[in-house]
Amino acid sequence: MFRNIPRRLKILCILTLINTGIATFGGIVSLISGPPEEKEIRLENNEMKKFIAQMKNLGSSDETIDLIEKFQLITNAIYDNFYFYTSISAILALLGLLSAFFMLRRNIYGFHLYIVYSLLSSASLYLIVSPEELPTAVIIVNLFISGLFIYLYSRSLTWLKNEFNDEIKNNEY
């Protein structure tokens, strides 16, 4: 079942399994433990306001201050929609976990599932944050990393497709 897997595919799948496994487990633990208490959220917001004030006093650029404020808005949006966003994130991580497992089993549909996982993960913040509040850099970096991994996985498509074609040939006889 897991024989003759190309080394590149093994490495990519192991990285994906580690990342998505931790994300799935973390999501489940977060759902069980629940959102932070209001007191903790207020304390964090106050500390962030102090940090922003310090950054302004140090002469940081307006773009840097704006980016920090947008990250704070995103954090608050996640807290406001904690169960919804954490559930979606855990489900998406589980999709990524399944996609890597399918590819290790030489199933071409794992690659397609990985593409779906990558795109949905990159766009998941749009479920809780309006587009103007989301820094473009965050989306670009997420899409770049997703595109890079999709490209690296695509380098093993011939190996994945050969098994699919072999199964079709075996079923014809």
N, C-alpha and C. Protein backbone atom coordinates (compact mmCIF):
# COMPACT_ATOMS: atom_id res chain seq x y z
N MET A 1 0.82 -1.19 0.00
CA MET A 1 0.00 0.00 0.00
C MET A 1 0.87 1.26 0.00
N PHE A 2 1.88 1.35 0.85
CA PHE A 2 2.73 2.53 0.93
C PHE A 2 4.11 2.24 0.33
N ARG A 3 4.15 1.42 -0.72
CA ARG A 3 5.44 1.07 -1.32
C ARG A 3 5.73 1.96 -2.52
N ASN A 4 7.01 2.13 -2.77
CA ASN A 4 7.51 2.84 -3.95
C ASN A 4 7.00 4.28 -4.05
N ILE A 5 6.80 4.92 -2.95
CA ILE A 5 6.37 6.31 -2.95
C ILE A 5 7.59 7.18 -3.26
N PRO A 6 7.47 8.10 -4.21
CA PRO A 6 8.61 9.00 -4.48
C PRO A 6 9.00 9.79 -3.23
N ARG A 7 10.29 9.96 -3.05
CA ARG A 7 10.80 10.62 -1.85
C ARG A 7 10.22 12.03 -1.69
N ARG A 8 10.13 12.77 -2.78
CA ARG A 8 9.58 14.13 -2.73
C ARG A 8 8.15 14.10 -2.19
N LEU A 9 7.34 13.14 -2.67
CA LEU A 9 5.96 13.03 -2.22
C LEU A 9 5.91 12.63 -0.74
N LYS A 10 6.79 11.73 -0.32
CA LYS A 10 6.84 11.33 1.09
C LYS A 10 7.11 12.54 1.98
N ILE A 11 8.10 13.34 1.58
CA ILE A 11 8.48 14.51 2.39
C ILE A 11 7.33 15.50 2.46
N LEU A 12 6.72 15.80 1.31
CA LEU A 12 5.59 16.74 1.29
C LEU A 12 4.42 16.23 2.13
N CYS A 13 4.12 14.95 1.99
CA CYS A 13 2.99 14.39 2.75
C CYS A 13 3.28 14.39 4.24
N ILE A 14 4.52 14.09 4.61
CA ILE A 14 4.87 14.12 6.03
C ILE A 14 4.72 15.54 6.58
N LEU A 15 5.20 16.53 5.83
CA LEU A 15 5.04 17.92 6.27
C LEU A 15 3.56 18.29 6.39
N THR A 16 2.77 17.88 5.41
CA THR A 16 1.33 18.17 5.44
C THR A 16 0.65 17.44 6.59
N LEU A 17 1.03 16.18 6.81
CA LEU A 17 0.43 15.42 7.90
C LEU A 17 0.76 16.04 9.25
N ILE A 18 1.98 16.50 9.42
CA ILE A 18 2.36 17.15 10.68
C ILE A 18 1.57 18.44 10.87
N ASN A 19 1.56 19.29 9.85
CA ASN A 19 0.87 20.58 9.94
C ASN A 19 -0.63 20.41 10.16
N THR A 20 -1.25 19.60 9.34
CA THR A 20 -2.71 19.45 9.45
C THR A 20 -3.10 18.62 10.66
N GLY A 21 -2.25 17.69 11.06
CA GLY A 21 -2.53 16.92 12.27
C GLY A 21 -2.53 17.80 13.50
N ILE A 22 -1.51 18.66 13.60
CA ILE A 22 -1.45 19.59 14.73
C ILE A 22 -2.63 20.56 14.68
N ALA A 23 -2.96 21.06 13.49
CA ALA A 23 -4.08 22.00 13.36
C ALA A 23 -5.41 21.34 13.72
N THR A 24 -5.61 20.11 13.29
CA THR A 24 -6.84 19.39 13.63
C THR A 24 -6.94 19.15 15.12
N PHE A 25 -5.85 18.66 15.70
CA PHE A 25 -5.82 18.41 17.14
C PHE A 25 -6.02 19.70 17.92
N GLY A 26 -5.33 20.77 17.50
CA GLY A 26 -5.48 22.06 18.17
C GLY A 26 -6.89 22.61 18.06
N GLY A 27 -7.52 22.41 16.90
CA GLY A 27 -8.90 22.85 16.73
C GLY A 27 -9.86 22.11 17.64
N ILE A 28 -9.66 20.81 17.75
CA ILE A 28 -10.53 20.01 18.62
C ILE A 28 -10.34 20.40 20.08
N VAL A 29 -9.08 20.58 20.49
CA VAL A 29 -8.80 21.00 21.86
C VAL A 29 -9.39 22.38 22.12
N SER A 30 -9.28 23.30 21.17
CA SER A 30 -9.86 24.64 21.33
C SER A 30 -11.37 24.58 21.44
N LEU A 31 -12.00 23.71 20.64
CA LEU A 31 -13.45 23.59 20.73
C LEU A 31 -13.87 23.05 22.09
N ILE A 32 -13.10 22.12 22.63
CA ILE A 32 -13.43 21.55 23.94
C ILE A 32 -13.21 22.57 25.05
N SER A 33 -12.08 23.30 24.98
CA SER A 33 -11.76 24.24 26.05
C SER A 33 -12.56 25.54 25.95
N GLY A 34 -13.01 25.88 24.75
CA GLY A 34 -13.84 27.06 24.57
C GLY A 34 -13.04 28.33 24.38
N PRO A 35 -13.73 29.43 24.13
CA PRO A 35 -13.04 30.71 23.88
C PRO A 35 -12.44 31.27 25.16
N PRO A 36 -11.49 32.19 25.01
CA PRO A 36 -10.95 32.84 26.21
C PRO A 36 -12.04 33.65 26.91
N GLU A 37 -11.83 33.89 28.18
CA GLU A 37 -12.80 34.68 28.95
C GLU A 37 -12.72 36.14 28.54
N GLU A 38 -13.82 36.85 28.77
CA GLU A 38 -13.90 38.28 28.41
C GLU A 38 -12.78 39.08 29.07
N LYS A 39 -12.45 38.73 30.31
CA LYS A 39 -11.40 39.44 31.03
C LYS A 39 -10.06 39.29 30.30
N GLU A 40 -9.75 38.09 29.83
CA GLU A 40 -8.50 37.84 29.10
C GLU A 40 -8.48 38.62 27.78
N ILE A 41 -9.61 38.66 27.11
CA ILE A 41 -9.70 39.37 25.83
C ILE A 41 -9.49 40.87 26.05
N ARG A 42 -10.15 41.43 27.09
CA ARG A 42 -9.97 42.86 27.39
C ARG A 42 -8.52 43.17 27.75
N LEU A 43 -7.89 42.29 28.53
CA LEU A 43 -6.49 42.49 28.91
C LEU A 43 -5.59 42.46 27.67
N GLU A 44 -5.85 41.52 26.79
CA GLU A 44 -5.06 41.43 25.55
C GLU A 44 -5.25 42.67 24.68
N ASN A 45 -6.49 43.13 24.56
CA ASN A 45 -6.77 44.35 23.78
C ASN A 45 -6.08 45.58 24.38
N ASN A 46 -6.08 45.68 25.72
CA ASN A 46 -5.40 46.81 26.37
C ASN A 46 -3.90 46.75 26.13
N GLU A 47 -3.32 45.57 26.21
CA GLU A 47 -1.89 45.43 25.96
C GLU A 47 -1.56 45.78 24.51
N MET A 48 -2.44 45.41 23.59
CA MET A 48 -2.21 45.73 22.19
C MET A 48 -2.30 47.23 21.95
N LYS A 49 -3.23 47.91 22.63
CA LYS A 49 -3.34 49.37 22.52
C LYS A 49 -2.06 50.04 23.02
N LYS A 50 -1.53 49.53 24.14
CA LYS A 50 -0.28 50.07 24.67
C LYS A 50 0.86 49.84 23.68
N PHE A 51 0.91 48.67 23.08
CA PHE A 51 1.95 48.35 22.11
C PHE A 51 1.87 49.28 20.89
N ILE A 52 0.65 49.52 20.42
CA ILE A 52 0.46 50.41 19.26
C ILE A 52 0.89 51.83 19.63
N ALA A 53 0.56 52.26 20.84
CA ALA A 53 0.98 53.60 21.28
C ALA A 53 2.51 53.69 21.33
N GLN A 54 3.17 52.64 21.81
CA GLN A 54 4.63 52.62 21.84
C GLN A 54 5.20 52.67 20.43
N MET A 55 4.58 51.93 19.52
CA MET A 55 5.05 51.93 18.13
C MET A 55 4.92 53.32 17.51
N LYS A 56 3.83 54.00 17.81
CA LYS A 56 3.64 55.36 17.31
C LYS A 56 4.70 56.30 17.88
N ASN A 57 4.97 56.15 19.19
CA ASN A 57 5.99 57.00 19.82
C ASN A 57 7.38 56.76 19.24
N LEU A 58 7.64 55.54 18.79
CA LEU A 58 8.94 55.22 18.20
C LEU A 58 9.03 55.67 16.75
N GLY A 59 7.93 56.19 16.22
CA GLY A 59 7.94 56.70 14.85
C GLY A 59 7.73 55.64 13.79
N SER A 60 7.04 54.57 14.13
CA SER A 60 6.74 53.53 13.14
C SER A 60 5.86 54.09 12.03
N SER A 61 5.96 53.49 10.88
CA SER A 61 5.18 53.96 9.74
C SER A 61 3.69 53.70 9.94
N ASP A 62 2.88 54.48 9.23
CA ASP A 62 1.43 54.32 9.31
C ASP A 62 1.00 52.94 8.81
N GLU A 63 1.72 52.42 7.81
CA GLU A 63 1.39 51.09 7.27
C GLU A 63 1.60 50.00 8.31
N THR A 64 2.67 50.14 9.10
CA THR A 64 2.95 49.15 10.16
C THR A 64 1.87 49.21 11.23
N ILE A 65 1.52 50.40 11.64
CA ILE A 65 0.47 50.57 12.65
C ILE A 65 -0.85 50.02 12.13
N ASP A 66 -1.17 50.32 10.88
CA ASP A 66 -2.41 49.84 10.26
C ASP A 66 -2.43 48.30 10.21
N LEU A 67 -1.30 47.70 9.89
CA LEU A 67 -1.22 46.24 9.84
C LEU A 67 -1.45 45.62 11.21
N ILE A 68 -0.84 46.20 12.23
CA ILE A 68 -1.02 45.69 13.60
C ILE A 68 -2.48 45.84 14.02
N GLU A 69 -3.09 46.96 13.70
CA GLU A 69 -4.50 47.17 14.04
C GLU A 69 -5.41 46.18 13.32
N LYS A 70 -5.08 45.88 12.07
CA LYS A 70 -5.88 44.90 11.32
C LYS A 70 -5.74 43.50 11.92
N PHE A 71 -4.53 43.16 12.36
CA PHE A 71 -4.36 41.86 13.02
C PHE A 71 -5.16 41.78 14.32
N GLN A 72 -5.25 42.90 15.02
CA GLN A 72 -6.07 42.94 16.23
C GLN A 72 -7.55 42.77 15.89
N LEU A 73 -8.00 43.40 14.80
CA LEU A 73 -9.39 43.22 14.35
C LEU A 73 -9.67 41.76 14.00
N ILE A 74 -8.72 41.12 13.33
CA ILE A 74 -8.88 39.71 12.96
C ILE A 74 -8.97 38.85 14.22
N THR A 75 -8.10 39.12 15.18
CA THR A 75 -8.11 38.35 16.43
C THR A 75 -9.45 38.51 17.14
N ASN A 76 -9.96 39.74 17.20
CA ASN A 76 -11.26 39.97 17.85
C ASN A 76 -12.39 39.30 17.07
N ALA A 77 -12.30 39.30 15.75
CA ALA A 77 -13.33 38.62 14.95
C ALA A 77 -13.31 37.12 15.20
N ILE A 78 -12.12 36.57 15.37
CA ILE A 78 -12.01 35.13 15.68
C ILE A 78 -12.64 34.86 17.04
N TYR A 79 -12.36 35.73 18.02
CA TYR A 79 -12.97 35.55 19.34
C TYR A 79 -14.49 35.69 19.27
N ASP A 80 -14.98 36.65 18.49
CA ASP A 80 -16.43 36.86 18.38
C ASP A 80 -17.13 35.68 17.71
N ASN A 81 -16.45 35.01 16.81
CA ASN A 81 -17.02 33.88 16.06
C ASN A 81 -16.26 32.60 16.39
N PHE A 82 -15.90 32.44 17.63
CA PHE A 82 -14.95 31.40 18.04
C PHE A 82 -15.35 30.00 17.59
N TYR A 83 -16.54 29.56 17.96
CA TYR A 83 -16.94 28.18 17.65
C TYR A 83 -17.09 27.96 16.14
N PHE A 84 -17.66 28.94 15.46
CA PHE A 84 -17.83 28.81 14.02
C PHE A 84 -16.47 28.72 13.32
N TYR A 85 -15.60 29.69 13.59
CA TYR A 85 -14.32 29.73 12.89
C TYR A 85 -13.41 28.56 13.28
N THR A 86 -13.41 28.20 14.55
CA THR A 86 -12.57 27.08 14.99
C THR A 86 -13.07 25.78 14.40
N SER A 87 -14.39 25.61 14.29
CA SER A 87 -14.94 24.40 13.67
C SER A 87 -14.56 24.32 12.20
N ILE A 88 -14.73 25.43 11.49
CA ILE A 88 -14.37 25.46 10.06
C ILE A 88 -12.88 25.17 9.88
N SER A 89 -12.05 25.78 10.70
CA SER A 89 -10.60 25.56 10.60
C SER A 89 -10.23 24.11 10.87
N ALA A 90 -10.85 23.50 11.87
CA ALA A 90 -10.56 22.10 12.18
C ALA A 90 -11.02 21.18 11.05
N ILE A 91 -12.17 21.47 10.47
CA ILE A 91 -12.67 20.66 9.35
C ILE A 91 -11.75 20.80 8.14
N LEU A 92 -11.32 22.02 7.86
CA LEU A 92 -10.40 22.23 6.74
C LEU A 92 -9.07 21.53 6.97
N ALA A 93 -8.57 21.58 8.20
CA ALA A 93 -7.32 20.87 8.51
C ALA A 93 -7.50 19.36 8.34
N LEU A 94 -8.66 18.86 8.71
CA LEU A 94 -8.95 17.44 8.52
C LEU A 94 -8.97 17.09 7.03
N LEU A 95 -9.49 17.99 6.20
CA LEU A 95 -9.45 17.77 4.74
C LEU A 95 -8.01 17.67 4.25
N GLY A 96 -7.15 18.54 4.75
CA GLY A 96 -5.74 18.49 4.37
C GLY A 96 -5.09 17.20 4.82
N LEU A 97 -5.44 16.74 6.00
CA LEU A 97 -4.92 15.48 6.53
C LEU A 97 -5.34 14.31 5.65
N LEU A 98 -6.62 14.29 5.29
CA LEU A 98 -7.13 13.23 4.42
C LEU A 98 -6.49 13.27 3.04
N SER A 99 -6.28 14.47 2.52
CA SER A 99 -5.70 14.58 1.18
C SER A 99 -4.29 14.00 1.14
N ALA A 100 -3.49 14.27 2.15
CA ALA A 100 -2.12 13.72 2.20
C ALA A 100 -2.18 12.20 2.34
N PHE A 101 -3.09 11.72 3.17
CA PHE A 101 -3.22 10.27 3.35
C PHE A 101 -3.63 9.60 2.04
N PHE A 102 -4.57 10.20 1.31
CA PHE A 102 -4.99 9.64 0.02
C PHE A 102 -3.83 9.62 -0.97
N MET A 103 -3.04 10.70 -0.99
CA MET A 103 -1.91 10.72 -1.93
C MET A 103 -0.89 9.65 -1.57
N LEU A 104 -0.67 9.43 -0.27
CA LEU A 104 0.25 8.36 0.13
C LEU A 104 -0.27 6.99 -0.29
N ARG A 105 -1.58 6.86 -0.40
CA ARG A 105 -2.20 5.61 -0.85
C ARG A 105 -2.28 5.56 -2.37
N ARG A 106 -1.67 6.52 -3.03
CA ARG A 106 -1.60 6.62 -4.49
C ARG A 106 -2.98 6.83 -5.10
N ASN A 107 -3.73 7.70 -4.49
CA ASN A 107 -5.06 8.04 -4.96
C ASN A 107 -5.02 9.46 -5.51
N ILE A 108 -5.28 9.61 -6.79
CA ILE A 108 -5.21 10.91 -7.47
C ILE A 108 -6.18 11.92 -6.87
N TYR A 109 -7.27 11.45 -6.30
CA TYR A 109 -8.25 12.36 -5.72
C TYR A 109 -7.70 13.09 -4.49
N GLY A 110 -6.67 12.53 -3.88
CA GLY A 110 -6.01 13.22 -2.78
C GLY A 110 -5.41 14.54 -3.23
N PHE A 111 -4.86 14.56 -4.44
CA PHE A 111 -4.29 15.80 -4.98
C PHE A 111 -5.39 16.84 -5.19
N HIS A 112 -6.51 16.41 -5.73
CA HIS A 112 -7.63 17.34 -5.95
C HIS A 112 -8.19 17.84 -4.62
N LEU A 113 -8.27 16.96 -3.65
CA LEU A 113 -8.73 17.35 -2.32
C LEU A 113 -7.75 18.34 -1.68
N TYR A 114 -6.45 18.16 -1.95
CA TYR A 114 -5.45 19.08 -1.42
C TYR A 114 -5.63 20.48 -2.01
N ILE A 115 -5.95 20.56 -3.28
CA ILE A 115 -6.20 21.86 -3.91
C ILE A 115 -7.40 22.55 -3.25
N VAL A 116 -8.46 21.80 -3.04
CA VAL A 116 -9.66 22.35 -2.38
C VAL A 116 -9.30 22.82 -0.97
N TYR A 117 -8.58 21.99 -0.23
CA TYR A 117 -8.15 22.35 1.12
C TYR A 117 -7.33 23.63 1.11
N SER A 118 -6.38 23.74 0.20
CA SER A 118 -5.50 24.91 0.15
C SER A 118 -6.27 26.19 -0.14
N LEU A 119 -7.16 26.14 -1.11
CA LEU A 119 -7.91 27.34 -1.48
C LEU A 119 -8.90 27.74 -0.38
N LEU A 120 -9.57 26.77 0.19
CA LEU A 120 -10.53 27.09 1.25
C LEU A 120 -9.81 27.61 2.50
N SER A 121 -8.67 27.04 2.80
CA SER A 121 -7.91 27.52 3.97
C SER A 121 -7.45 28.95 3.77
N SER A 122 -7.03 29.27 2.55
CA SER A 122 -6.57 30.63 2.27
C SER A 122 -7.71 31.64 2.36
N ALA A 123 -8.92 31.21 2.04
CA ALA A 123 -10.06 32.11 2.02
C ALA A 123 -10.91 32.06 3.29
N SER A 124 -10.55 31.23 4.24
CA SER A 124 -11.42 31.02 5.41
C SER A 124 -11.60 32.27 6.26
N LEU A 125 -10.62 33.15 6.30
CA LEU A 125 -10.77 34.37 7.10
C LEU A 125 -11.87 35.27 6.57
N TYR A 126 -12.18 35.15 5.27
CA TYR A 126 -13.25 35.97 4.69
C TYR A 126 -14.62 35.62 5.28
N LEU A 127 -14.71 34.48 5.95
CA LEU A 127 -15.98 34.09 6.56
C LEU A 127 -16.32 34.97 7.77
N ILE A 128 -15.29 35.53 8.40
CA ILE A 128 -15.53 36.29 9.63
C ILE A 128 -15.04 37.73 9.57
N VAL A 129 -14.26 38.08 8.54
CA VAL A 129 -13.69 39.41 8.43
C VAL A 129 -14.03 39.97 7.05
N SER A 130 -14.39 41.23 7.02
CA SER A 130 -14.68 41.84 5.73
C SER A 130 -13.38 42.03 4.95
N PRO A 131 -13.46 42.00 3.63
CA PRO A 131 -12.24 42.09 2.81
C PRO A 131 -11.38 43.32 3.08
N GLU A 132 -11.99 44.46 3.39
CA GLU A 132 -11.17 45.66 3.63
C GLU A 132 -10.41 45.61 4.94
N GLU A 133 -10.84 44.76 5.86
CA GLU A 133 -10.14 44.61 7.14
C GLU A 133 -9.02 43.57 7.07
N LEU A 134 -9.00 42.80 6.03
CA LEU A 134 -8.01 41.72 5.89
C LEU A 134 -6.81 42.23 5.10
N PRO A 135 -5.63 42.19 5.69
CA PRO A 135 -4.44 42.67 4.97
C PRO A 135 -4.19 41.83 3.71
N THR A 136 -3.96 42.52 2.62
CA THR A 136 -3.71 41.84 1.35
C THR A 136 -2.48 40.94 1.46
N ALA A 137 -1.50 41.37 2.22
CA ALA A 137 -0.27 40.58 2.37
C ALA A 137 -0.56 39.20 2.95
N VAL A 138 -1.51 39.11 3.86
CA VAL A 138 -1.85 37.81 4.47
C VAL A 138 -2.39 36.87 3.41
N ILE A 139 -3.28 37.36 2.58
CA ILE A 139 -3.87 36.52 1.53
C ILE A 139 -2.80 36.15 0.50
N ILE A 140 -1.97 37.09 0.12
CA ILE A 140 -0.92 36.80 -0.87
C ILE A 140 0.04 35.74 -0.35
N VAL A 141 0.47 35.87 0.90
CA VAL A 141 1.40 34.89 1.47
C VAL A 141 0.73 33.52 1.55
N ASN A 142 -0.53 33.47 2.02
CA ASN A 142 -1.24 32.18 2.10
C ASN A 142 -1.39 31.54 0.72
N LEU A 143 -1.77 32.34 -0.27
CA LEU A 143 -1.93 31.80 -1.62
C LEU A 143 -0.60 31.39 -2.23
N PHE A 144 0.46 32.13 -1.95
CA PHE A 144 1.77 31.77 -2.45
C PHE A 144 2.23 30.43 -1.89
N ILE A 145 2.10 30.26 -0.58
CA ILE A 145 2.51 29.00 0.05
C ILE A 145 1.63 27.86 -0.45
N SER A 146 0.32 28.09 -0.56
CA SER A 146 -0.57 27.06 -1.10
C SER A 146 -0.19 26.71 -2.53
N GLY A 147 0.05 27.72 -3.35
CA GLY A 147 0.45 27.48 -4.74
C GLY A 147 1.76 26.73 -4.83
N LEU A 148 2.71 27.07 -3.97
CA LEU A 148 3.99 26.37 -3.96
C LEU A 148 3.81 24.90 -3.64
N PHE A 149 3.03 24.60 -2.61
CA PHE A 149 2.81 23.20 -2.24
C PHE A 149 2.01 22.46 -3.31
N ILE A 150 1.03 23.12 -3.90
CA ILE A 150 0.28 22.47 -4.99
C ILE A 150 1.22 22.16 -6.14
N TYR A 151 2.09 23.10 -6.48
CA TYR A 151 3.07 22.86 -7.55
C TYR A 151 3.99 21.68 -7.19
N LEU A 152 4.50 21.67 -5.95
CA LEU A 152 5.39 20.58 -5.55
C LEU A 152 4.67 19.23 -5.57
N TYR A 153 3.42 19.22 -5.11
CA TYR A 153 2.64 17.98 -5.20
C TYR A 153 2.39 17.58 -6.65
N SER A 154 2.18 18.56 -7.51
CA SER A 154 1.89 18.26 -8.92
C SER A 154 3.07 17.58 -9.61
N ARG A 155 4.25 17.75 -9.07
CA ARG A 155 5.43 17.10 -9.64
C ARG A 155 5.36 15.58 -9.48
N SER A 156 4.47 15.09 -8.62
CA SER A 156 4.31 13.65 -8.41
C SER A 156 3.03 13.12 -9.06
N LEU A 157 2.40 13.92 -9.89
CA LEU A 157 1.14 13.50 -10.51
C LEU A 157 1.29 12.27 -11.40
N THR A 158 2.40 12.17 -12.10
CA THR A 158 2.56 11.00 -12.98
C THR A 158 2.56 9.71 -12.16
N TRP A 159 3.18 9.74 -10.99
CA TRP A 159 3.17 8.56 -10.13
C TRP A 159 1.75 8.27 -9.65
N LEU A 160 1.02 9.31 -9.27
CA LEU A 160 -0.35 9.13 -8.81
C LEU A 160 -1.26 8.64 -9.93
N LYS A 161 -1.10 9.19 -11.13
CA LYS A 161 -1.95 8.82 -12.27
C LYS A 161 -1.67 7.40 -12.75
N ASN A 162 -0.44 6.95 -12.67
CA ASN A 162 -0.11 5.61 -13.14
C ASN A 162 -0.88 4.56 -12.37
N GLU A 163 -1.02 4.72 -11.08
CA GLU A 163 -1.79 3.76 -10.29
C GLU A 163 -3.26 3.81 -10.70
N PHE A 164 -3.77 5.01 -10.94
CA PHE A 164 -5.16 5.16 -11.34
C PHE A 164 -5.39 4.45 -12.67
N ASN A 165 -4.47 4.64 -13.62
CA ASN A 165 -4.57 3.98 -14.92
C ASN A 165 -4.40 2.48 -14.79
N ASP A 166 -3.50 2.03 -13.90
CA ASP A 166 -3.32 0.59 -13.67
C ASP A 166 -4.61 -0.05 -13.14
N GLU A 167 -5.30 0.66 -12.24
CA GLU A 167 -6.55 0.13 -11.70
C GLU A 167 -7.61 0.01 -12.78
N ILE A 168 -7.68 0.99 -13.68
CA ILE A 168 -8.66 0.95 -14.76
C ILE A 168 -8.34 -0.23 -15.68
N LYS A 169 -7.09 -0.43 -16.02
CA LYS A 169 -6.68 -1.54 -16.88
C LYS A 169 -7.00 -2.88 -16.25
N ASN A 170 -6.74 -3.00 -14.94
CA ASN A 170 -7.01 -4.25 -14.24
C ASN A 170 -8.50 -4.54 -14.17
N ASN A 171 -9.34 -3.54 -14.12
CA ASN A 171 -10.78 -3.74 -14.06
C ASN A 171 -11.38 -4.07 -15.43
N GLU A 172 -10.65 -3.76 -16.50
CA GLU A 172 -11.17 -4.03 -17.84
C GLU A 172 -11.09 -5.51 -18.18
N TYR A 173 -10.17 -6.23 -17.57
CA TYR A 173 -10.00 -7.65 -17.91
C TYR A 173 -10.84 -8.55 -17.09
